[in-house]
């Protein structure tokens, strides 16, 4: 029930913040030839005006809320603790990687993922240490967006998600399913340790992800940053699908 409430709340927040920034439309005027540019690079972006508004909202939230929180986290948290937090959340990904590998009948990859999780959860003090990598175990990757792609579901329109950034319709669905699945399959809650989708853990995970994402809005200085990001996201997902590994 808690996971369901969080999902509903997330949808409400997306709706509120998307439309609350409608007043920045004049700052994000889109030229008629932008659709032609998107089509040339093979990116379907029919919602570009809305996407640009959300992009600007993400920039504003990032600058005035998210990055100051990340800076404070860096200031007060020792480096070794930050590394342990990163390792822990990376290890929890193996749960959904296992599930999505099984959905695609990639049994060996599923065994590698559950093997990594088990070793790190035991020998790695609950996942704080990446013992599996120290033992030379590979890092497989799958998510529900890639599972849908495996079964022939197209990308759909390009989409900028509030807070989360670039995606597409298929991957947005995949993100939601992965989040819900992790809450349902949470082994830490099953062991009566803690709830991985509790607000506190969710917030820490968000800060950790942002800290380890080097991208900064408008840092490129290019007037075509939106187009570049759109193009590279498409290529990134294609490469991720082909290699089956976590690239960053």
C-alpha atoms as a PDB file:
ATOM      1  CA  UNK A   1       0.000   0.000   0.000  1.00  0.00           C
ATOM      2  CA  UNK A   2       2.850   2.400   0.797  1.00  0.00           C
ATOM      3  CA  UNK A   3       4.377   1.824  -2.643  1.00  0.00           C
ATOM      4  CA  UNK A   4       1.010   2.439  -4.307  1.00  0.00           C
ATOM      5  CA  UNK A   5       0.540   5.700  -2.411  1.00  0.00           C
ATOM      6  CA  UNK A   6       4.019   6.853  -3.375  1.00  0.00           C
ATOM      7  CA  UNK A   7       3.333   6.108  -7.047  1.00  0.00           C
ATOM      8  CA  UNK A   8       0.052   8.058  -6.978  1.00  0.00           C
ATOM      9  CA  UNK A   9       1.769  10.956  -5.198  1.00  0.00           C
ATOM     10  CA  UNK A  10       4.519  10.977  -7.819  1.00  0.00           C
ATOM     11  CA  UNK A  11       1.962  11.226 -10.620  1.00  0.00           C
ATOM     12  CA  UNK A  12       0.248  14.121  -8.848  1.00  0.00           C
ATOM     13  CA  UNK A  13       3.551  15.942  -8.371  1.00  0.00           C
ATOM     14  CA  UNK A  14       4.429  15.487 -12.036  1.00  0.00           C
ATOM     15  CA  UNK A  15       1.105  17.007 -13.098  1.00  0.00           C
ATOM     16  CA  UNK A  16       1.373  19.947 -10.695  1.00  0.00           C
ATOM     17  CA  UNK A  17       4.945  20.902 -11.550  1.00  0.00           C
ATOM     18  CA  UNK A  18       4.494  20.405 -15.290  1.00  0.00           C
ATOM     19  CA  UNK A  19       1.677  22.907 -15.536  1.00  0.00           C
ATOM     20  CA  UNK A  20       2.924  25.297 -12.857  1.00  0.00           C
ATOM     21  CA  UNK A  21       5.782  26.259 -15.147  1.00  0.00           C
ATOM     22  CA  UNK A  22       3.596  27.070 -18.128  1.00  0.00           C
ATOM     23  CA  UNK A  23       4.503  30.744 -17.683  1.00  0.00           C
ATOM     24  CA  UNK A  24       8.013  30.156 -19.011  1.00  0.00           C
ATOM     25  CA  UNK A  25       6.678  29.385 -22.492  1.00  0.00           C
ATOM     26  CA  UNK A  26       7.911  32.660 -23.906  1.00  0.00           C
ATOM     27  CA  UNK A  27      11.458  31.798 -22.803  1.00  0.00           C
ATOM     28  CA  UNK A  28      11.331  28.464 -24.585  1.00  0.00           C
ATOM     29  CA  UNK A  29       9.911  29.382 -27.981  1.00  0.00           C
ATOM     30  CA  UNK A  30      10.479  26.555 -30.427  1.00  0.00           C
ATOM     31  CA  UNK A  31      11.222  27.212 -34.071  1.00  0.00           C
ATOM     32  CA  UNK A  32       9.320  25.385 -36.783  1.00  0.00           C
ATOM     33  CA  UNK A  33      12.406  23.655 -38.124  1.00  0.00           C
ATOM     34  CA  UNK A  34      13.190  21.919 -34.812  1.00  0.00           C
ATOM     35  CA  UNK A  35      10.931  18.994 -35.675  1.00  0.00           C
ATOM     36  CA  UNK A  36      12.826  18.560 -38.929  1.00  0.00           C
ATOM     37  CA  UNK A  37      16.119  18.512 -37.008  1.00  0.00           C
ATOM     38  CA  UNK A  38      14.746  15.898 -34.597  1.00  0.00           C
ATOM     39  CA  UNK A  39      13.543  13.739 -37.475  1.00  0.00           C
ATOM     40  CA  UNK A  40      16.939  14.046 -39.175  1.00  0.00           C
ATOM     41  CA  UNK A  41      18.614  12.580 -36.085  1.00  0.00           C
ATOM     42  CA  UNK A  42      15.962   9.885 -35.778  1.00  0.00           C
ATOM     43  CA  UNK A  43      14.351  11.228 -32.602  1.00  0.00           C
ATOM     44  CA  UNK A  44      10.563  11.471 -32.408  1.00  0.00           C
ATOM     45  CA  UNK A  45       9.789  14.541 -30.296  1.00  0.00           C
ATOM     46  CA  UNK A  46       6.187  15.683 -30.921  1.00  0.00           C
ATOM     47  CA  UNK A  47       5.915  17.055 -27.364  1.00  0.00           C
ATOM     48  CA  UNK A  48       8.936  19.323 -27.688  1.00  0.00           C
ATOM     49  CA  UNK A  49       7.265  22.533 -26.399  1.00  0.00           C
ATOM     50  CA  UNK A  50       6.136  20.726 -23.231  1.00  0.00           C
ATOM     51  CA  UNK A  51       9.467  18.918 -22.937  1.00  0.00           C
ATOM     52  CA  UNK A  52      11.329  22.217 -23.047  1.00  0.00           C
ATOM     53  CA  UNK A  53       9.155  23.638 -20.276  1.00  0.00           C
ATOM     54  CA  UNK A  54       9.890  20.599 -18.107  1.00  0.00           C
ATOM     55  CA  UNK A  55      13.573  20.878 -19.037  1.00  0.00           C
ATOM     56  CA  UNK A  56      13.587  24.453 -17.734  1.00  0.00           C
ATOM     57  CA  UNK A  57      11.764  23.376 -14.577  1.00  0.00           C
ATOM     58  CA  UNK A  58      14.375  20.658 -13.998  1.00  0.00           C
ATOM     59  CA  UNK A  59      17.124  23.241 -14.456  1.00  0.00           C
ATOM     60  CA  UNK A  60      15.486  25.552 -11.898  1.00  0.00           C
ATOM     61  CA  UNK A  61      14.903  22.750  -9.395  1.00  0.00           C
ATOM     62  CA  UNK A  62      18.450  21.483  -9.924  1.00  0.00           C
ATOM     63  CA  UNK A  63      20.039  24.892  -9.401  1.00  0.00           C
ATOM     64  CA  UNK A  64      18.090  26.056  -6.371  1.00  0.00           C
ATOM     65  CA  UNK A  65      17.212  22.806  -4.592  1.00  0.00           C
ATOM     66  CA  UNK A  66      18.929  19.641  -5.762  1.00  0.00           C
ATOM     67  CA  UNK A  67      22.536  20.799  -6.219  1.00  0.00           C
ATOM     68  CA  UNK A  68      22.617  22.746  -2.925  1.00  0.00           C
ATOM     69  CA  UNK A  69      21.468  19.565  -1.172  1.00  0.00           C
ATOM     70  CA  UNK A  70      24.166  17.591  -3.013  1.00  0.00           C
ATOM     71  CA  UNK A  71      26.779  20.185  -2.007  1.00  0.00           C
ATOM     72  CA  UNK A  72      25.701  19.898   1.625  1.00  0.00           C
ATOM     73  CA  UNK A  73      25.849  16.105   1.368  1.00  0.00           C
ATOM     74  CA  UNK A  74      29.399  16.327   0.013  1.00  0.00           C
ATOM     75  CA  UNK A  75      30.377  18.725   2.781  1.00  0.00           C
ATOM     76  CA  UNK A  76      29.130  16.750   5.774  1.00  0.00           C
ATOM     77  CA  UNK A  77      29.501  13.166   4.548  1.00  0.00           C
ATOM     78  CA  UNK A  78      32.929  11.476   4.549  1.00  0.00           C
ATOM     79  CA  UNK A  79      34.078  10.160   1.181  1.00  0.00           C
ATOM     80  CA  UNK A  80      34.167   6.536   2.321  1.00  0.00           C
ATOM     81  CA  UNK A  81      30.551   6.817   3.503  1.00  0.00           C
ATOM     82  CA  UNK A  82      29.505   8.292   0.152  1.00  0.00           C
ATOM     83  CA  UNK A  83      31.199   5.392  -1.616  1.00  0.00           C
ATOM     84  CA  UNK A  84      29.391   2.912   0.612  1.00  0.00           C
ATOM     85  CA  UNK A  85      26.042   4.567  -0.121  1.00  0.00           C
ATOM     86  CA  UNK A  86      26.742   4.414  -3.850  1.00  0.00           C
ATOM     87  CA  UNK A  87      27.719   0.740  -3.632  1.00  0.00           C
ATOM     88  CA  UNK A  88      24.593  -0.082  -1.647  1.00  0.00           C
ATOM     89  CA  UNK A  89      22.157   1.457  -4.110  1.00  0.00           C
ATOM     90  CA  UNK A  90      24.036   0.036  -7.093  1.00  0.00           C
ATOM     91  CA  UNK A  91      23.727  -3.375  -5.487  1.00  0.00           C
ATOM     92  CA  UNK A  92      19.960  -3.048  -5.031  1.00  0.00           C
ATOM     93  CA  UNK A  93      19.684  -2.570  -8.803  1.00  0.00           C
ATOM     94  CA  UNK A  94      20.647  -6.218  -9.160  1.00  0.00           C
ATOM     95  CA  UNK A  95      17.188  -7.158  -7.876  1.00  0.00           C
ATOM     96  CA  UNK A  96      15.369  -5.614 -10.845  1.00  0.00           C
ATOM     97  CA  UNK A  97      18.190  -6.609 -13.205  1.00  0.00           C
ATOM     98  CA  UNK A  98      17.572 -10.214 -12.175  1.00  0.00           C
ATOM     99  CA  UNK A  99      13.830  -9.889 -12.713  1.00  0.00           C
ATOM    100  CA  UNK A 100      14.153  -8.260 -16.119  1.00  0.00           C
ATOM    101  CA  UNK A 101      16.770 -10.780 -17.219  1.00  0.00           C
ATOM    102  CA  UNK A 102      14.367 -13.590 -16.328  1.00  0.00           C
ATOM    103  CA  UNK A 103      11.551 -11.868 -18.231  1.00  0.00           C
ATOM    104  CA  UNK A 104      13.811 -11.940 -21.286  1.00  0.00           C
ATOM    105  CA  UNK A 105      14.874 -15.546 -20.581  1.00  0.00           C
ATOM    106  CA  UNK A 106      18.485 -14.439 -20.168  1.00  0.00           C
ATOM    107  CA  UNK A 107      19.187 -16.992 -17.485  1.00  0.00           C
ATOM    108  CA  UNK A 108      22.965 -16.559 -17.303  1.00  0.00           C
ATOM    109  CA  UNK A 109      22.617 -12.811 -16.898  1.00  0.00           C
ATOM    110  CA  UNK A 110      20.004 -13.311 -14.175  1.00  0.00           C
ATOM    111  CA  UNK A 111      22.365 -15.662 -12.339  1.00  0.00           C
ATOM    112  CA  UNK A 112      25.189 -13.123 -12.582  1.00  0.00           C
ATOM    113  CA  UNK A 113      22.971 -10.365 -11.203  1.00  0.00           C
ATOM    114  CA  UNK A 114      21.617 -12.382  -8.290  1.00  0.00           C
ATOM    115  CA  UNK A 115      25.146 -13.653  -7.654  1.00  0.00           C
ATOM    116  CA  UNK A 116      26.457 -10.089  -7.420  1.00  0.00           C
ATOM    117  CA  UNK A 117      23.648  -9.103  -5.091  1.00  0.00           C
ATOM    118  CA  UNK A 118      24.127 -12.115  -2.827  1.00  0.00           C
ATOM    119  CA  UNK A 119      27.890 -11.728  -2.524  1.00  0.00           C
ATOM    120  CA  UNK A 120      27.711  -7.999  -1.856  1.00  0.00           C
ATOM    121  CA  UNK A 121      24.812  -8.410   0.580  1.00  0.00           C
ATOM    122  CA  UNK A 122      26.783 -10.970   2.592  1.00  0.00           C
ATOM    123  CA  UNK A 123      30.535 -10.535   2.126  1.00  0.00           C
ATOM    124  CA  UNK A 124      30.065  -6.854   1.324  1.00  0.00           C
ATOM    125  CA  UNK A 125      28.329  -5.919   4.586  1.00  0.00           C
ATOM    126  CA  UNK A 126      24.867  -5.539   3.112  1.00  0.00           C
ATOM    127  CA  UNK A 127      26.141  -4.035  -0.128  1.00  0.00           C
ATOM    128  CA  UNK A 128      28.242  -1.250   1.352  1.00  0.00           C
ATOM    129  CA  UNK A 129      31.333  -2.850  -0.198  1.00  0.00           C
ATOM    130  CA  UNK A 130      31.421  -3.947  -3.835  1.00  0.00           C
ATOM    131  CA  UNK A 131      33.029  -7.300  -3.106  1.00  0.00           C
ATOM    132  CA  UNK A 132      31.669  -8.816  -6.325  1.00  0.00           C
ATOM    133  CA  UNK A 133      33.683  -6.397  -8.462  1.00  0.00           C
ATOM    134  CA  UNK A 134      36.780  -7.118  -6.383  1.00  0.00           C
ATOM    135  CA  UNK A 135      36.275 -10.787  -7.293  1.00  0.00           C
ATOM    136  CA  UNK A 136      36.073  -9.886 -10.982  1.00  0.00           C
ATOM    137  CA  UNK A 137      32.368 -10.554 -11.433  1.00  0.00           C
ATOM    138  CA  UNK A 138      30.851  -8.738 -14.449  1.00  0.00           C
ATOM    139  CA  UNK A 139      28.180  -6.050 -14.049  1.00  0.00           C
ATOM    140  CA  UNK A 140      25.135  -7.011 -16.129  1.00  0.00           C
ATOM    141  CA  UNK A 141      22.332  -4.544 -16.731  1.00  0.00           C
ATOM    142  CA  UNK A 142      18.667  -4.739 -17.692  1.00  0.00           C
ATOM    143  CA  UNK A 143      15.607  -2.669 -16.880  1.00  0.00           C
ATOM    144  CA  UNK A 144      11.943  -2.890 -17.791  1.00  0.00           C
ATOM    145  CA  UNK A 145      12.352  -0.383 -20.606  1.00  0.00           C
ATOM    146  CA  UNK A 146      14.921  -2.709 -22.188  1.00  0.00           C
ATOM    147  CA  UNK A 147      12.621  -5.660 -21.526  1.00  0.00           C
ATOM    148  CA  UNK A 148       9.854  -3.925 -23.475  1.00  0.00           C
ATOM    149  CA  UNK A 149      12.358  -3.180 -26.252  1.00  0.00           C
ATOM    150  CA  UNK A 150      13.374  -6.840 -26.270  1.00  0.00           C
ATOM    151  CA  UNK A 151       9.795  -7.766 -27.130  1.00  0.00           C
ATOM    152  CA  UNK A 152       9.532  -5.208 -29.898  1.00  0.00           C
ATOM    153  CA  UNK A 153       7.958  -2.242 -28.116  1.00  0.00           C
ATOM    154  CA  UNK A 154       9.106   0.970 -29.774  1.00  0.00           C
ATOM    155  CA  UNK A 155      10.579   3.948 -27.957  1.00  0.00           C
ATOM    156  CA  UNK A 156       7.564   6.160 -28.469  1.00  0.00           C
ATOM    157  CA  UNK A 157       7.851   9.936 -28.163  1.00  0.00           C
ATOM    158  CA  UNK A 158      10.867  11.513 -26.511  1.00  0.00           C
ATOM    159  CA  UNK A 159       9.982  12.731 -23.040  1.00  0.00           C
ATOM    160  CA  UNK A 160      11.576  14.894 -20.372  1.00  0.00           C
ATOM    161  CA  UNK A 161      10.442  13.660 -16.964  1.00  0.00           C
ATOM    162  CA  UNK A 162      10.121  16.137 -14.087  1.00  0.00           C
ATOM    163  CA  UNK A 163      13.112  15.742 -11.728  1.00  0.00           C
ATOM    164  CA  UNK A 164      14.420  12.686 -13.637  1.00  0.00           C
ATOM    165  CA  UNK A 165      15.387  14.152 -17.002  1.00  0.00           C
ATOM    166  CA  UNK A 166      15.517  12.606 -20.499  1.00  0.00           C
ATOM    167  CA  UNK A 167      13.484   9.513 -21.284  1.00  0.00           C
ATOM    168  CA  UNK A 168      10.887   8.316 -23.749  1.00  0.00           C
ATOM    169  CA  UNK A 169       7.406   6.928 -23.315  1.00  0.00           C
ATOM    170  CA  UNK A 170       8.592   3.317 -23.174  1.00  0.00           C
ATOM    171  CA  UNK A 171      11.410   4.031 -20.726  1.00  0.00           C
ATOM    172  CA  UNK A 172       9.146   6.188 -18.551  1.00  0.00           C
ATOM    173  CA  UNK A 173       6.830   3.209 -18.134  1.00  0.00           C
ATOM    174  CA  UNK A 174       9.895   1.081 -17.459  1.00  0.00           C
ATOM    175  CA  UNK A 175      11.101   3.445 -14.740  1.00  0.00           C
ATOM    176  CA  UNK A 176       7.743   3.268 -12.985  1.00  0.00           C
ATOM    177  CA  UNK A 177       7.612  -0.523 -13.168  1.00  0.00           C
ATOM    178  CA  UNK A 178      11.199  -0.875 -11.912  1.00  0.00           C
ATOM    179  CA  UNK A 179      10.468   1.413  -8.962  1.00  0.00           C
ATOM    180  CA  UNK A 180       7.324  -0.458  -7.989  1.00  0.00           C
ATOM    181  CA  UNK A 181       8.967  -3.856  -8.477  1.00  0.00           C
ATOM    182  CA  UNK A 182      11.870  -2.937  -6.198  1.00  0.00           C
ATOM    183  CA  UNK A 183       9.405  -1.916  -3.498  1.00  0.00           C
ATOM    184  CA  UNK A 184       7.539  -5.209  -3.825  1.00  0.00           C
ATOM    185  CA  UNK A 185      10.659  -7.400  -3.968  1.00  0.00           C
ATOM    186  CA  UNK A 186      12.541  -5.483  -1.257  1.00  0.00           C
ATOM    187  CA  UNK A 187      14.654  -8.115   0.566  1.00  0.00           C
ATOM    188  CA  UNK A 188      15.585  -5.696   3.348  1.00  0.00           C
ATOM    189  CA  UNK A 189      11.949  -5.149   4.280  1.00  0.00           C
ATOM    190  CA  UNK A 190      11.373  -8.906   4.124  1.00  0.00           C
ATOM    191  CA  UNK A 191      14.220  -9.328   6.614  1.00  0.00           C
ATOM    192  CA  UNK A 192      12.655  -6.670   8.887  1.00  0.00           C
ATOM    193  CA  UNK A 193      15.697  -4.415   8.520  1.00  0.00           C
ATOM    194  CA  UNK A 194      14.289  -1.317   6.807  1.00  0.00           C
ATOM    195  CA  UNK A 195      12.008  -0.300   3.952  1.00  0.00           C
ATOM    196  CA  UNK A 196      13.981   0.503   0.805  1.00  0.00           C
ATOM    197  CA  UNK A 197      11.180   2.679  -0.574  1.00  0.00           C
ATOM    198  CA  UNK A 198      10.708   4.672   2.633  1.00  0.00           C
ATOM    199  CA  UNK A 199      10.914   8.470   2.178  1.00  0.00           C
ATOM    200  CA  UNK A 200      14.295   8.648   3.927  1.00  0.00           C
ATOM    201  CA  UNK A 201      15.935   5.938   1.829  1.00  0.00           C
ATOM    202  CA  UNK A 202      14.286   7.267  -1.333  1.00  0.00           C
ATOM    203  CA  UNK A 203      15.684  10.755  -0.630  1.00  0.00           C
ATOM    204  CA  UNK A 204      19.185   9.407   0.037  1.00  0.00           C
ATOM    205  CA  UNK A 205      19.062   7.390  -3.175  1.00  0.00           C
ATOM    206  CA  UNK A 206      18.022  10.493  -5.124  1.00  0.00           C
ATOM    207  CA  UNK A 207      20.859  12.581  -3.684  1.00  0.00           C
ATOM    208  CA  UNK A 208      23.357   9.804  -4.383  1.00  0.00           C
ATOM    209  CA  UNK A 209      22.211   9.490  -7.995  1.00  0.00           C
ATOM    210  CA  UNK A 210      22.448  13.234  -8.571  1.00  0.00           C
ATOM    211  CA  UNK A 211      25.880  13.392  -6.986  1.00  0.00           C
ATOM    212  CA  UNK A 212      27.151  10.692  -9.316  1.00  0.00           C
ATOM    213  CA  UNK A 213      25.572  12.239 -12.414  1.00  0.00           C
ATOM    214  CA  UNK A 214      28.103  14.697 -13.841  1.00  0.00           C
ATOM    215  CA  UNK A 215      25.661  16.468 -16.154  1.00  0.00           C
ATOM    216  CA  UNK A 216      24.864  20.087 -15.269  1.00  0.00           C
ATOM    217  CA  UNK A 217      22.110  22.011 -17.025  1.00  0.00           C
ATOM    218  CA  UNK A 218      23.365  24.714 -19.409  1.00  0.00           C
ATOM    219  CA  UNK A 219      26.980  24.051 -18.444  1.00  0.00           C
ATOM    220  CA  UNK A 220      27.830  23.310 -22.083  1.00  0.00           C
ATOM    221  CA  UNK A 221      27.202  26.919 -23.098  1.00  0.00           C
ATOM    222  CA  UNK A 222      25.622  25.665 -26.306  1.00  0.00           C
ATOM    223  CA  UNK A 223      22.250  26.974 -27.521  1.00  0.00           C
ATOM    224  CA  UNK A 224      21.600  23.440 -28.764  1.00  0.00           C
ATOM    225  CA  UNK A 225      22.020  21.655 -25.442  1.00  0.00           C
ATOM    226  CA  UNK A 226      18.457  20.318 -25.524  1.00  0.00           C
ATOM    227  CA  UNK A 227      19.040  18.820 -28.978  1.00  0.00           C
ATOM    228  CA  UNK A 228      22.397  17.329 -27.979  1.00  0.00           C
ATOM    229  CA  UNK A 229      20.972  15.695 -24.871  1.00  0.00           C
ATOM    230  CA  UNK A 230      18.030  14.312 -26.828  1.00  0.00           C
ATOM    231  CA  UNK A 231      20.360  12.808 -29.436  1.00  0.00           C
ATOM    232  CA  UNK A 232      22.817  11.319 -26.926  1.00  0.00           C
ATOM    233  CA  UNK A 233      20.050   9.822 -24.793  1.00  0.00           C
ATOM    234  CA  UNK A 234      18.776   7.886 -27.790  1.00  0.00           C
ATOM    235  CA  UNK A 235      22.290   6.650 -28.602  1.00  0.00           C
ATOM    236  CA  UNK A 236      22.994   5.835 -24.959  1.00  0.00           C
ATOM    237  CA  UNK A 237      19.919   3.620 -24.658  1.00  0.00           C
ATOM    238  CA  UNK A 238      20.679   1.919 -27.954  1.00  0.00           C
ATOM    239  CA  UNK A 239      24.217   1.142 -26.801  1.00  0.00           C
ATOM    240  CA  UNK A 240      22.951  -0.026 -23.416  1.00  0.00           C
ATOM    241  CA  UNK A 241      20.519  -2.375 -25.140  1.00  0.00           C
ATOM    242  CA  UNK A 242      23.266  -3.782 -27.357  1.00  0.00           C
ATOM    243  CA  UNK A 243      25.910  -4.229 -24.651  1.00  0.00           C
ATOM    244  CA  UNK A 244      23.682  -5.182 -21.718  1.00  0.00           C
ATOM    245  CA  UNK A 245      25.943  -3.426 -19.216  1.00  0.00           C
ATOM    246  CA  UNK A 246      25.687  -0.395 -16.940  1.00  0.00           C
ATOM    247  CA  UNK A 247      27.601   2.222 -18.924  1.00  0.00           C
ATOM    248  CA  UNK A 248      27.872   4.933 -16.254  1.00  0.00           C
END
